[in-house]
């Protein structure tokens, strides 16, 4: 080793380790957000009462949209804030899970897509928060919405750093190409397909039969030699 020159580290971190870690975080938060938003959808009747049979029939006869319209929703900012939070929480959670998987798998476009998803979701949540505060939502709803907005804001910061890391050091173009000579296992339990396993089994049995046949021929030849050596 040359004096004065430090040795290169042998256990250096991967060039996109932070981006991959951000992908795992996005998947976790995205799945939780998606499932929780789907569960909240079943409670939508708490802030938007369902129409009875008479109201539905009257809306159909008068040509009005069933369940209200966007104009009616705009006149009720609290309900609009709830709707934006639930709807885009579901879509945004699914998007974060998908693009988080792309970051973990080192896809080139996943960094930009993840940052765009979290940023757009953050903007929508801020707008929904303004509606919730202006519409007089409960303090529990405001607190949960503020917590969700804070989490998405932190994720937007993480995805910004991850996007810069991926753009500065993009993955190889042939990252998905299997190198020559690498054997891909057929399944978790067997490396070969059923046809290949059957072919190998037949070859092994033929080899054993051939070895047994040669052994039988050898014994038969020994027996014939002993008969020839006996005096007549």
C-alpha atoms as a PDB file:
ATOM      1  CA  UNK A   1       0.000   0.000   0.000  1.00  0.00           C
ATOM      2  CA  UNK A   2       1.317   3.451  -0.936  1.00  0.00           C
ATOM      3  CA  UNK A   3       2.260   5.562   2.136  1.00  0.00           C
ATOM      4  CA  UNK A   4      -0.084   8.462   2.805  1.00  0.00           C
ATOM      5  CA  UNK A   5      -2.934   7.052   0.690  1.00  0.00           C
ATOM      6  CA  UNK A   6      -5.859   5.706   2.767  1.00  0.00           C
ATOM      7  CA  UNK A   7      -7.176   2.312   1.879  1.00  0.00           C
ATOM      8  CA  UNK A   8     -10.528   2.182   0.109  1.00  0.00           C
ATOM      9  CA  UNK A   9     -13.361   0.963   2.309  1.00  0.00           C
ATOM     10  CA  UNK A  10     -14.494  -2.521   1.505  1.00  0.00           C
ATOM     11  CA  UNK A  11     -17.960  -2.248   3.128  1.00  0.00           C
ATOM     12  CA  UNK A  12     -19.196   0.918   1.398  1.00  0.00           C
ATOM     13  CA  UNK A  13     -22.958   1.468   1.390  1.00  0.00           C
ATOM     14  CA  UNK A  14     -24.873   0.987  -1.887  1.00  0.00           C
ATOM     15  CA  UNK A  15     -25.051   4.162  -3.991  1.00  0.00           C
ATOM     16  CA  UNK A  16     -28.861   4.368  -3.659  1.00  0.00           C
ATOM     17  CA  UNK A  17     -29.305   3.018  -0.143  1.00  0.00           C
ATOM     18  CA  UNK A  18     -31.312   6.034   1.071  1.00  0.00           C
ATOM     19  CA  UNK A  19     -33.655   5.797  -1.916  1.00  0.00           C
ATOM     20  CA  UNK A  20     -34.260   2.104  -1.270  1.00  0.00           C
ATOM     21  CA  UNK A  21     -34.936   2.776   2.409  1.00  0.00           C
ATOM     22  CA  UNK A  22     -37.356   5.538   1.442  1.00  0.00           C
ATOM     23  CA  UNK A  23     -39.109   3.050  -0.830  1.00  0.00           C
ATOM     24  CA  UNK A  24     -39.659   0.651   2.074  1.00  0.00           C
ATOM     25  CA  UNK A  25     -41.000   3.530   4.193  1.00  0.00           C
ATOM     26  CA  UNK A  26     -43.338   4.638   1.409  1.00  0.00           C
ATOM     27  CA  UNK A  27     -44.686   1.123   1.002  1.00  0.00           C
ATOM     28  CA  UNK A  28     -45.426   0.798   4.707  1.00  0.00           C
ATOM     29  CA  UNK A  29     -47.112   4.183   5.097  1.00  0.00           C
ATOM     30  CA  UNK A  30     -48.905   3.873   1.757  1.00  0.00           C
ATOM     31  CA  UNK A  31     -50.480   0.513   2.591  1.00  0.00           C
ATOM     32  CA  UNK A  32     -51.564   1.726   6.042  1.00  0.00           C
ATOM     33  CA  UNK A  33     -53.035   4.910   4.552  1.00  0.00           C
ATOM     34  CA  UNK A  34     -54.826   2.985   1.796  1.00  0.00           C
ATOM     35  CA  UNK A  35     -56.398   0.462   4.172  1.00  0.00           C
ATOM     36  CA  UNK A  36     -57.368   3.061   6.770  1.00  0.00           C
ATOM     37  CA  UNK A  37     -58.949   5.287   4.119  1.00  0.00           C
ATOM     38  CA  UNK A  38     -60.947   2.350   2.801  1.00  0.00           C
ATOM     39  CA  UNK A  39     -62.217   1.698   6.330  1.00  0.00           C
ATOM     40  CA  UNK A  40     -63.141   5.361   6.771  1.00  0.00           C
ATOM     41  CA  UNK A  41     -65.198   5.208   3.569  1.00  0.00           C
ATOM     42  CA  UNK A  42     -67.634   2.904   5.357  1.00  0.00           C
ATOM     43  CA  UNK A  43     -68.235   5.674   7.916  1.00  0.00           C
ATOM     44  CA  UNK A  44     -69.023   8.372   5.346  1.00  0.00           C
ATOM     45  CA  UNK A  45     -72.653   8.447   6.449  1.00  0.00           C
ATOM     46  CA  UNK A  46     -71.519  10.215   9.636  1.00  0.00           C
ATOM     47  CA  UNK A  47     -70.832  13.455   7.771  1.00  0.00           C
ATOM     48  CA  UNK A  48     -73.016  12.887   4.696  1.00  0.00           C
ATOM     49  CA  UNK A  49     -76.391  11.330   5.617  1.00  0.00           C
ATOM     50  CA  UNK A  50     -77.758   8.796   3.189  1.00  0.00           C
ATOM     51  CA  UNK A  51     -80.878   9.585   1.199  1.00  0.00           C
ATOM     52  CA  UNK A  52     -83.990   7.587   1.958  1.00  0.00           C
ATOM     53  CA  UNK A  53     -86.200   5.995  -0.714  1.00  0.00           C
ATOM     54  CA  UNK A  54     -88.420   9.055  -1.083  1.00  0.00           C
ATOM     55  CA  UNK A  55     -85.503  11.452  -1.531  1.00  0.00           C
ATOM     56  CA  UNK A  56     -83.865   9.172  -4.077  1.00  0.00           C
ATOM     57  CA  UNK A  57     -87.091   8.793  -6.052  1.00  0.00           C
ATOM     58  CA  UNK A  58     -87.688  12.559  -5.991  1.00  0.00           C
ATOM     59  CA  UNK A  59     -84.135  13.231  -7.200  1.00  0.00           C
ATOM     60  CA  UNK A  60     -84.615  10.814 -10.097  1.00  0.00           C
ATOM     61  CA  UNK A  61     -87.917  12.374 -11.126  1.00  0.00           C
ATOM     62  CA  UNK A  62     -86.523  15.909 -10.973  1.00  0.00           C
ATOM     63  CA  UNK A  63     -83.347  14.998 -12.859  1.00  0.00           C
ATOM     64  CA  UNK A  64     -81.039  15.837  -9.945  1.00  0.00           C
ATOM     65  CA  UNK A  65     -77.929  13.758  -9.265  1.00  0.00           C
ATOM     66  CA  UNK A  66     -78.417  11.053  -6.662  1.00  0.00           C
ATOM     67  CA  UNK A  67     -76.476  11.714  -3.468  1.00  0.00           C
ATOM     68  CA  UNK A  68     -75.914  15.387  -4.187  1.00  0.00           C
ATOM     69  CA  UNK A  69     -73.633  17.231  -6.591  1.00  0.00           C
ATOM     70  CA  UNK A  70     -70.219  18.861  -6.441  1.00  0.00           C
ATOM     71  CA  UNK A  71     -71.946  22.241  -6.139  1.00  0.00           C
ATOM     72  CA  UNK A  72     -73.766  21.045  -3.028  1.00  0.00           C
ATOM     73  CA  UNK A  73     -70.512  19.713  -1.655  1.00  0.00           C
ATOM     74  CA  UNK A  74     -68.778  23.062  -2.266  1.00  0.00           C
ATOM     75  CA  UNK A  75     -71.416  24.726  -0.117  1.00  0.00           C
ATOM     76  CA  UNK A  76     -70.495  22.433   2.781  1.00  0.00           C
ATOM     77  CA  UNK A  77     -66.727  22.914   3.321  1.00  0.00           C
ATOM     78  CA  UNK A  78     -66.517  20.481   6.221  1.00  0.00           C
ATOM     79  CA  UNK A  79     -67.953  17.605   4.181  1.00  0.00           C
ATOM     80  CA  UNK A  80     -65.767  18.624   1.225  1.00  0.00           C
ATOM     81  CA  UNK A  81     -62.675  18.447   3.443  1.00  0.00           C
ATOM     82  CA  UNK A  82     -63.655  14.997   4.659  1.00  0.00           C
ATOM     83  CA  UNK A  83     -64.258  13.817   1.101  1.00  0.00           C
ATOM     84  CA  UNK A  84     -60.936  15.133  -0.222  1.00  0.00           C
ATOM     85  CA  UNK A  85     -59.032  13.581   2.671  1.00  0.00           C
ATOM     86  CA  UNK A  86     -60.612  10.154   2.287  1.00  0.00           C
ATOM     87  CA  UNK A  87     -60.623   9.958  -1.506  1.00  0.00           C
ATOM     88  CA  UNK A  88     -57.111  11.232  -2.093  1.00  0.00           C
ATOM     89  CA  UNK A  89     -55.841   9.425   0.977  1.00  0.00           C
ATOM     90  CA  UNK A  90     -56.913   6.177  -0.667  1.00  0.00           C
ATOM     91  CA  UNK A  91     -55.471   7.041  -4.077  1.00  0.00           C
ATOM     92  CA  UNK A  92     -52.336   8.637  -2.630  1.00  0.00           C
ATOM     93  CA  UNK A  93     -51.671   5.684  -0.325  1.00  0.00           C
ATOM     94  CA  UNK A  94     -51.905   3.286  -3.241  1.00  0.00           C
ATOM     95  CA  UNK A  95     -49.594   5.501  -5.314  1.00  0.00           C
ATOM     96  CA  UNK A  96     -47.028   5.730  -2.509  1.00  0.00           C
ATOM     97  CA  UNK A  97     -47.039   1.949  -2.110  1.00  0.00           C
ATOM     98  CA  UNK A  98     -46.527   1.410  -5.849  1.00  0.00           C
ATOM     99  CA  UNK A  99     -43.771   3.979  -6.331  1.00  0.00           C
ATOM    100  CA  UNK A 100     -42.157   2.962  -3.052  1.00  0.00           C
ATOM    101  CA  UNK A 101     -41.835  -0.526  -4.486  1.00  0.00           C
ATOM    102  CA  UNK A 102     -40.276   1.058  -7.574  1.00  0.00           C
ATOM    103  CA  UNK A 103     -37.724   2.878  -5.428  1.00  0.00           C
ATOM    104  CA  UNK A 104     -36.854  -0.304  -3.592  1.00  0.00           C
ATOM    105  CA  UNK A 105     -36.483  -2.140  -6.910  1.00  0.00           C
ATOM    106  CA  UNK A 106     -34.308   0.738  -8.238  1.00  0.00           C
ATOM    107  CA  UNK A 107     -36.496   1.871 -11.116  1.00  0.00           C
ATOM    108  CA  UNK A 108     -35.220   5.020 -12.764  1.00  0.00           C
ATOM    109  CA  UNK A 109     -38.520   6.922 -12.876  1.00  0.00           C
ATOM    110  CA  UNK A 110     -39.712   5.880  -9.430  1.00  0.00           C
ATOM    111  CA  UNK A 111     -37.917   8.735  -7.673  1.00  0.00           C
ATOM    112  CA  UNK A 112     -39.636  11.476  -9.669  1.00  0.00           C
ATOM    113  CA  UNK A 113     -43.000   9.699  -9.471  1.00  0.00           C
ATOM    114  CA  UNK A 114     -42.761   9.219  -5.703  1.00  0.00           C
ATOM    115  CA  UNK A 115     -41.864  12.881  -5.114  1.00  0.00           C
ATOM    116  CA  UNK A 116     -44.681  14.065  -7.392  1.00  0.00           C
ATOM    117  CA  UNK A 117     -47.190  11.794  -5.612  1.00  0.00           C
ATOM    118  CA  UNK A 118     -46.295  12.910  -2.098  1.00  0.00           C
ATOM    119  CA  UNK A 119     -46.137  16.595  -3.116  1.00  0.00           C
ATOM    120  CA  UNK A 120     -49.525  16.500  -4.842  1.00  0.00           C
ATOM    121  CA  UNK A 121     -51.059  14.672  -1.891  1.00  0.00           C
ATOM    122  CA  UNK A 122     -49.578  17.254   0.489  1.00  0.00           C
ATOM    123  CA  UNK A 123     -51.104  20.130  -1.481  1.00  0.00           C
ATOM    124  CA  UNK A 124     -54.519  18.444  -1.521  1.00  0.00           C
ATOM    125  CA  UNK A 125     -54.347  17.715   2.207  1.00  0.00           C
ATOM    126  CA  UNK A 126     -53.464  21.345   2.962  1.00  0.00           C
ATOM    127  CA  UNK A 127     -56.465  22.501   0.915  1.00  0.00           C
ATOM    128  CA  UNK A 128     -58.670  19.932   2.665  1.00  0.00           C
ATOM    129  CA  UNK A 129     -57.384  21.164   6.019  1.00  0.00           C
ATOM    130  CA  UNK A 130     -58.420  24.717   5.167  1.00  0.00           C
ATOM    131  CA  UNK A 131     -61.909  23.421   4.381  1.00  0.00           C
ATOM    132  CA  UNK A 132     -62.064  21.462   7.619  1.00  0.00           C
ATOM    133  CA  UNK A 133     -61.081  24.463   9.743  1.00  0.00           C
ATOM    134  CA  UNK A 134     -63.373  26.806   7.825  1.00  0.00           C
ATOM    135  CA  UNK A 135     -66.276  24.365   8.000  1.00  0.00           C
ATOM    136  CA  UNK A 136     -66.008  23.817  11.745  1.00  0.00           C
ATOM    137  CA  UNK A 137     -64.921  20.165  11.821  1.00  0.00           C
ATOM    138  CA  UNK A 138     -64.461  18.410  15.138  1.00  0.00           C
ATOM    139  CA  UNK A 139     -61.157  18.720  16.958  1.00  0.00           C
ATOM    140  CA  UNK A 140     -60.572  14.980  16.569  1.00  0.00           C
ATOM    141  CA  UNK A 141     -60.903  15.270  12.785  1.00  0.00           C
ATOM    142  CA  UNK A 142     -58.631  18.316  12.748  1.00  0.00           C
ATOM    143  CA  UNK A 143     -56.012  16.555  14.833  1.00  0.00           C
ATOM    144  CA  UNK A 144     -55.999  13.408  12.720  1.00  0.00           C
ATOM    145  CA  UNK A 145     -55.837  15.477   9.556  1.00  0.00           C
ATOM    146  CA  UNK A 146     -52.939  17.540  10.935  1.00  0.00           C
ATOM    147  CA  UNK A 147     -51.068  14.348  11.850  1.00  0.00           C
ATOM    148  CA  UNK A 148     -51.633  12.918   8.378  1.00  0.00           C
ATOM    149  CA  UNK A 149     -50.483  16.165   6.758  1.00  0.00           C
ATOM    150  CA  UNK A 150     -47.320  16.165   8.883  1.00  0.00           C
ATOM    151  CA  UNK A 151     -46.517  12.571   7.912  1.00  0.00           C
ATOM    152  CA  UNK A 152     -47.011  13.300   4.210  1.00  0.00           C
ATOM    153  CA  UNK A 153     -44.859  16.447   4.522  1.00  0.00           C
ATOM    154  CA  UNK A 154     -42.031  14.372   6.033  1.00  0.00           C
ATOM    155  CA  UNK A 155     -42.409  11.792   3.273  1.00  0.00           C
ATOM    156  CA  UNK A 156     -42.243  14.559   0.671  1.00  0.00           C
ATOM    157  CA  UNK A 157     -38.907  15.598   2.146  1.00  0.00           C
ATOM    158  CA  UNK A 158     -37.646  12.029   2.098  1.00  0.00           C
ATOM    159  CA  UNK A 159     -38.724  11.519  -1.506  1.00  0.00           C
ATOM    160  CA  UNK A 160     -37.031  14.799  -2.508  1.00  0.00           C
ATOM    161  CA  UNK A 161     -33.685  13.527  -1.207  1.00  0.00           C
ATOM    162  CA  UNK A 162     -34.320  10.082  -2.732  1.00  0.00           C
ATOM    163  CA  UNK A 163     -35.159  11.625  -6.113  1.00  0.00           C
ATOM    164  CA  UNK A 164     -31.944  13.667  -6.097  1.00  0.00           C
ATOM    165  CA  UNK A 165     -29.964  10.557  -5.197  1.00  0.00           C
ATOM    166  CA  UNK A 166     -31.499   8.536  -8.029  1.00  0.00           C
ATOM    167  CA  UNK A 167     -30.990  11.356 -10.551  1.00  0.00           C
ATOM    168  CA  UNK A 168     -27.384  11.883  -9.451  1.00  0.00           C
ATOM    169  CA  UNK A 169     -26.575   8.176  -9.573  1.00  0.00           C
ATOM    170  CA  UNK A 170     -29.169   6.447 -11.782  1.00  0.00           C
ATOM    171  CA  UNK A 171     -29.454   2.661 -11.760  1.00  0.00           C
ATOM    172  CA  UNK A 172     -27.860   0.759 -14.654  1.00  0.00           C
ATOM    173  CA  UNK A 173     -29.983   0.386 -17.751  1.00  0.00           C
ATOM    174  CA  UNK A 174     -29.545  -3.404 -17.693  1.00  0.00           C
ATOM    175  CA  UNK A 175     -30.423  -3.831 -14.024  1.00  0.00           C
ATOM    176  CA  UNK A 176     -33.332  -6.123 -14.908  1.00  0.00           C
ATOM    177  CA  UNK A 177     -31.300  -8.297 -17.313  1.00  0.00           C
ATOM    178  CA  UNK A 178     -30.199 -11.618 -15.843  1.00  0.00           C
ATOM    179  CA  UNK A 179     -26.466 -12.218 -16.394  1.00  0.00           C
ATOM    180  CA  UNK A 180     -25.559 -15.212 -18.563  1.00  0.00           C
ATOM    181  CA  UNK A 181     -25.022 -18.424 -16.670  1.00  0.00           C
ATOM    182  CA  UNK A 182     -27.363 -17.546 -13.792  1.00  0.00           C
ATOM    183  CA  UNK A 183     -29.911 -20.267 -13.158  1.00  0.00           C
ATOM    184  CA  UNK A 184     -33.385 -19.032 -12.237  1.00  0.00           C
ATOM    185  CA  UNK A 185     -35.161 -21.458  -9.860  1.00  0.00           C
ATOM    186  CA  UNK A 186     -38.471 -22.831 -11.061  1.00  0.00           C
ATOM    187  CA  UNK A 187     -40.161 -22.370  -7.677  1.00  0.00           C
ATOM    188  CA  UNK A 188     -39.426 -21.951  -4.001  1.00  0.00           C
ATOM    189  CA  UNK A 189     -39.229 -25.714  -3.508  1.00  0.00           C
ATOM    190  CA  UNK A 190     -37.561 -26.852  -6.743  1.00  0.00           C
ATOM    191  CA  UNK A 191     -34.949 -25.257  -8.950  1.00  0.00           C
ATOM    192  CA  UNK A 192     -35.996 -27.216 -12.057  1.00  0.00           C
ATOM    193  CA  UNK A 193     -39.351 -27.544 -13.804  1.00  0.00           C
ATOM    194  CA  UNK A 194     -41.305 -30.828 -13.579  1.00  0.00           C
ATOM    195  CA  UNK A 195     -40.230 -31.805 -17.093  1.00  0.00           C
ATOM    196  CA  UNK A 196     -36.538 -31.314 -16.275  1.00  0.00           C
ATOM    197  CA  UNK A 197     -36.892 -33.245 -13.001  1.00  0.00           C
ATOM    198  CA  UNK A 198     -38.614 -36.133 -14.814  1.00  0.00           C
ATOM    199  CA  UNK A 199     -35.892 -36.199 -17.468  1.00  0.00           C
ATOM    200  CA  UNK A 200     -33.195 -36.353 -14.788  1.00  0.00           C
ATOM    201  CA  UNK A 201     -35.044 -39.120 -12.951  1.00  0.00           C
ATOM    202  CA  UNK A 202     -35.327 -41.201 -16.129  1.00  0.00           C
ATOM    203  CA  UNK A 203     -31.635 -40.706 -16.847  1.00  0.00           C
ATOM    204  CA  UNK A 204     -30.700 -41.794 -13.323  1.00  0.00           C
ATOM    205  CA  UNK A 205     -32.879 -44.887 -13.555  1.00  0.00           C
ATOM    206  CA  UNK A 206     -31.384 -45.835 -16.930  1.00  0.00           C
ATOM    207  CA  UNK A 207     -27.913 -45.461 -15.433  1.00  0.00           C
ATOM    208  CA  UNK A 208     -28.824 -47.679 -12.485  1.00  0.00           C
ATOM    209  CA  UNK A 209     -30.366 -50.293 -14.781  1.00  0.00           C
ATOM    210  CA  UNK A 210     -27.274 -50.249 -16.983  1.00  0.00           C
ATOM    211  CA  UNK A 211     -25.041 -50.709 -13.949  1.00  0.00           C
ATOM    212  CA  UNK A 212     -27.196 -53.606 -12.698  1.00  0.00           C
ATOM    213  CA  UNK A 213     -27.136 -55.202 -16.175  1.00  0.00           C
ATOM    214  CA  UNK A 214     -23.345 -55.001 -16.287  1.00  0.00           C
ATOM    215  CA  UNK A 215     -23.172 -56.518 -12.805  1.00  0.00           C
ATOM    216  CA  UNK A 216     -25.474 -59.363 -13.862  1.00  0.00           C
ATOM    217  CA  UNK A 217     -23.374 -60.001 -16.989  1.00  0.00           C
ATOM    218  CA  UNK A 218     -20.240 -60.112 -14.843  1.00  0.00           C
ATOM    219  CA  UNK A 219     -21.769 -62.631 -12.433  1.00  0.00           C
ATOM    220  CA  UNK A 220     -23.019 -64.735 -15.314  1.00  0.00           C
ATOM    221  CA  UNK A 221     -19.570 -64.737 -16.878  1.00  0.00           C
ATOM    222  CA  UNK A 222     -17.979 -65.809 -13.594  1.00  0.00           C
ATOM    223  CA  UNK A 223     -20.496 -68.609 -13.288  1.00  0.00           C
ATOM    224  CA  UNK A 224     -19.745 -69.826 -16.824  1.00  0.00           C
ATOM    225  CA  UNK A 225     -16.006 -69.687 -16.139  1.00  0.00           C
ATOM    226  CA  UNK A 226     -16.411 -71.840 -13.042  1.00  0.00           C
ATOM    227  CA  UNK A 227     -18.445 -74.368 -14.991  1.00  0.00           C
ATOM    228  CA  UNK A 228     -15.736 -74.579 -17.643  1.00  0.00           C
ATOM    229  CA  UNK A 229     -13.022 -75.107 -15.016  1.00  0.00           C
ATOM    230  CA  UNK A 230     -14.795 -78.059 -13.426  1.00  0.00           C
ATOM    231  CA  UNK A 231     -13.625 -81.530 -14.613  1.00  0.00           C
ATOM    232  CA  UNK A 232     -16.088 -83.285 -16.813  1.00  0.00           C
END
